């Protein structure tokens, strides 16, 4: 299976079942829509941000067709201007390359530095789709198992309204 070995080991340890799909590299949502059309799940877009000081990092997960209202998120966080985190920060905190951003990357954040925001509309989905830390495969997991995963890795997270 494609993806991070440690992720699969953790999913097995937590007894989390998943549906596994291989596909060509998916660098954009447009690419993903072609391959995700038969998945019976909430399809997610993942964006990694840093605050203006570079001392706080946020992973934002929203429904793949939604547009994030970044200015609204900036106001609520009161962290100043948000910007996309660099490739180096992506590797340091999530252990992934650009195009492979996923909340499953939180297994690589041993210091629990990254805070996760999940759009509240995804709470309506019974199942969710994410890359296994590589963009040539996708895993579909139940939302309840995903929450168990988040609890185990220990990063802070919250469901909020994320788009306009």
Protein backbone atom coordinates (compact mmCIF):
# COMPACT_ATOMS: atom_id res chain seq x y z
CA UNK A 1 0.00 0.00 0.00
CA UNK A 2 1.14 3.50 -0.80
CA UNK A 3 1.56 5.93 2.05
CA UNK A 4 3.35 6.26 5.35
CA UNK A 5 4.05 2.91 7.01
CA UNK A 6 3.66 4.40 10.50
CA UNK A 7 0.18 5.63 9.62
CA UNK A 8 -0.97 2.14 8.64
CA UNK A 9 0.57 0.74 11.82
CA UNK A 10 -1.34 3.27 13.92
CA UNK A 11 -4.61 2.62 12.10
CA UNK A 12 -4.15 -1.10 12.75
CA UNK A 13 -3.30 -0.49 16.42
CA UNK A 14 -6.47 1.60 16.78
CA UNK A 15 -8.49 -1.01 14.88
CA UNK A 16 -9.53 1.61 12.33
CA UNK A 17 -10.90 0.14 9.14
CA UNK A 18 -10.42 1.99 5.87
CA UNK A 19 -11.17 1.73 2.20
CA UNK A 20 -7.97 2.03 0.14
CA UNK A 21 -7.74 3.56 -3.36
CA UNK A 22 -4.68 4.04 -5.56
CA UNK A 23 -4.60 6.71 -8.27
CA UNK A 24 -2.17 8.94 -10.17
CA UNK A 25 -0.71 11.87 -8.20
CA UNK A 26 -3.49 14.31 -7.28
CA UNK A 27 -2.01 17.77 -6.92
CA UNK A 28 -5.28 19.70 -7.20
CA UNK A 29 -8.94 19.29 -6.35
CA UNK A 30 -9.69 19.25 -10.08
CA UNK A 31 -7.46 16.18 -10.43
CA UNK A 32 -9.01 14.58 -7.37
CA UNK A 33 -12.61 15.03 -8.52
CA UNK A 34 -11.97 12.65 -11.42
CA UNK A 35 -10.79 9.85 -9.13
CA UNK A 36 -13.02 10.51 -6.13
CA UNK A 37 -16.33 10.43 -7.98
CA UNK A 38 -17.15 6.87 -6.88
CA UNK A 39 -16.20 7.30 -3.22
CA UNK A 40 -19.16 7.33 -0.88
CA UNK A 41 -17.69 9.88 1.51
CA UNK A 42 -17.06 13.51 2.31
CA UNK A 43 -14.19 14.61 0.13
CA UNK A 44 -11.78 16.95 1.81
CA UNK A 45 -9.48 19.80 0.85
CA UNK A 46 -6.58 20.36 3.27
CA UNK A 47 -4.68 23.64 3.59
CA UNK A 48 -1.67 24.27 5.85
CA UNK A 49 -1.19 27.82 7.18
CA UNK A 50 1.17 29.70 9.44
CA UNK A 51 0.52 32.94 11.32
CA UNK A 52 2.45 36.12 10.48
CA UNK A 53 5.09 35.44 13.17
CA UNK A 54 5.59 31.88 11.99
CA UNK A 55 5.17 30.47 15.49
CA UNK A 56 1.70 28.94 15.04
CA UNK A 57 0.52 26.54 12.39
CA UNK A 58 -2.97 25.51 11.37
CA UNK A 59 -4.28 22.70 9.25
CA UNK A 60 -7.65 23.55 7.75
CA UNK A 61 -9.91 20.79 6.41
CA UNK A 62 -12.99 21.69 4.41
CA UNK A 63 -15.33 20.11 1.91
CA UNK A 64 -13.46 19.88 -1.38
CA UNK A 65 -15.74 22.24 -3.34
CA UNK A 66 -15.88 24.91 -0.63
CA UNK A 67 -13.94 28.16 -0.72
CA UNK A 68 -12.27 29.21 2.51
CA UNK A 69 -12.91 32.72 3.81
CA UNK A 70 -9.33 33.34 4.98
CA UNK A 71 -10.02 36.90 6.18
CA UNK A 72 -12.81 35.64 8.45
CA UNK A 73 -10.51 32.95 9.86
CA UNK A 74 -7.79 35.56 10.46
CA UNK A 75 -10.25 37.73 12.40
CA UNK A 76 -11.38 34.84 14.57
CA UNK A 77 -7.85 33.64 15.32
CA UNK A 78 -6.44 37.10 16.06
CA UNK A 79 -3.04 35.89 14.89
CA UNK A 80 -2.56 38.50 12.18
CA UNK A 81 -2.31 37.62 8.54
CA UNK A 82 -2.27 33.93 7.66
CA UNK A 83 -0.14 32.65 4.82
CA UNK A 84 0.49 29.28 3.27
CA UNK A 85 3.22 27.48 5.16
CA UNK A 86 6.41 26.76 3.23
CA UNK A 87 7.38 23.35 1.93
CA UNK A 88 9.98 23.16 4.72
CA UNK A 89 7.35 23.81 7.40
CA UNK A 90 5.04 21.28 5.78
CA UNK A 91 7.77 18.66 5.98
CA UNK A 92 8.80 19.66 9.53
CA UNK A 93 5.35 19.63 11.11
CA UNK A 94 3.33 17.17 9.02
CA UNK A 95 6.08 15.10 7.41
CA UNK A 96 4.56 15.44 3.94
CA UNK A 97 5.37 16.95 0.57
CA UNK A 98 3.25 19.60 -1.20
CA UNK A 99 0.14 18.02 -2.70
CA UNK A 100 -0.02 15.38 0.05
CA UNK A 101 -1.36 17.54 2.89
CA UNK A 102 -3.57 15.45 5.15
CA UNK A 103 -4.65 15.38 8.78
CA UNK A 104 -3.02 11.94 8.85
CA UNK A 105 0.25 13.91 8.79
CA UNK A 106 -0.44 14.85 12.41
CA UNK A 107 1.21 11.56 13.38
CA UNK A 108 4.50 13.32 12.55
CA UNK A 109 3.79 16.29 14.84
CA UNK A 110 5.15 14.79 18.06
CA UNK A 111 5.03 18.16 19.83
CA UNK A 112 1.33 18.69 18.93
CA UNK A 113 2.19 22.08 17.47
CA UNK A 114 -0.42 22.12 14.68
CA UNK A 115 -4.04 23.03 15.48
CA UNK A 116 -6.68 21.47 13.22
CA UNK A 117 -9.80 23.29 12.04
CA UNK A 118 -12.46 21.10 10.43
CA UNK A 119 -15.37 22.65 8.61
CA UNK A 120 -18.60 21.89 10.46
CA UNK A 121 -20.31 20.74 7.25
CA UNK A 122 -18.03 17.67 7.28
CA UNK A 123 -19.67 16.69 10.55
CA UNK A 124 -22.64 15.66 8.40
CA UNK A 125 -20.56 13.06 6.53
CA UNK A 126 -20.46 9.50 7.82
CA UNK A 127 -17.15 8.88 6.05
CA UNK A 128 -14.22 11.10 5.06
CA UNK A 129 -11.45 10.81 2.46
CA UNK A 130 -7.81 11.77 3.01
CA UNK A 131 -4.41 10.95 1.52
CA UNK A 132 -2.27 8.55 3.58
CA UNK A 133 0.49 11.23 3.53
CA UNK A 134 1.18 10.65 -0.15
CA UNK A 135 -0.96 11.95 -3.02
CA UNK A 136 -1.03 8.69 -5.01
CA UNK A 137 -3.57 7.02 -2.74
CA UNK A 138 -6.66 7.89 -0.72
CA UNK A 139 -8.17 6.36 2.40
CA UNK A 140 -11.85 6.49 3.26
CA UNK A 141 -12.53 6.22 7.00
CA UNK A 142 -15.61 6.63 9.12
CA UNK A 143 -15.93 10.02 10.79
CA UNK A 144 -16.02 8.36 14.22
CA UNK A 145 -12.77 6.50 13.47
CA UNK A 146 -11.23 9.72 12.23
CA UNK A 147 -12.11 11.39 15.54
CA UNK A 148 -10.55 8.42 17.37
CA UNK A 149 -7.41 8.93 15.29
CA UNK A 150 -7.32 12.64 16.21
CA UNK A 151 -7.79 11.85 19.89
CA UNK A 152 -4.93 9.37 19.78
CA UNK A 153 -2.44 11.69 18.03
CA UNK A 154 -3.25 14.42 20.58
CA UNK A 155 -3.34 17.58 18.46
CA UNK A 156 -6.01 20.12 19.30
CA UNK A 157 -8.91 20.33 16.86
CA UNK A 158 -12.33 21.88 16.48
CA UNK A 159 -15.27 21.90 14.09
CA UNK A 160 -16.10 25.45 12.94
CA UNK A 161 -17.81 27.21 10.06
CA UNK A 162 -14.97 27.82 7.62
CA UNK A 163 -16.34 29.25 4.42
CA UNK A 164 -18.41 32.19 3.31
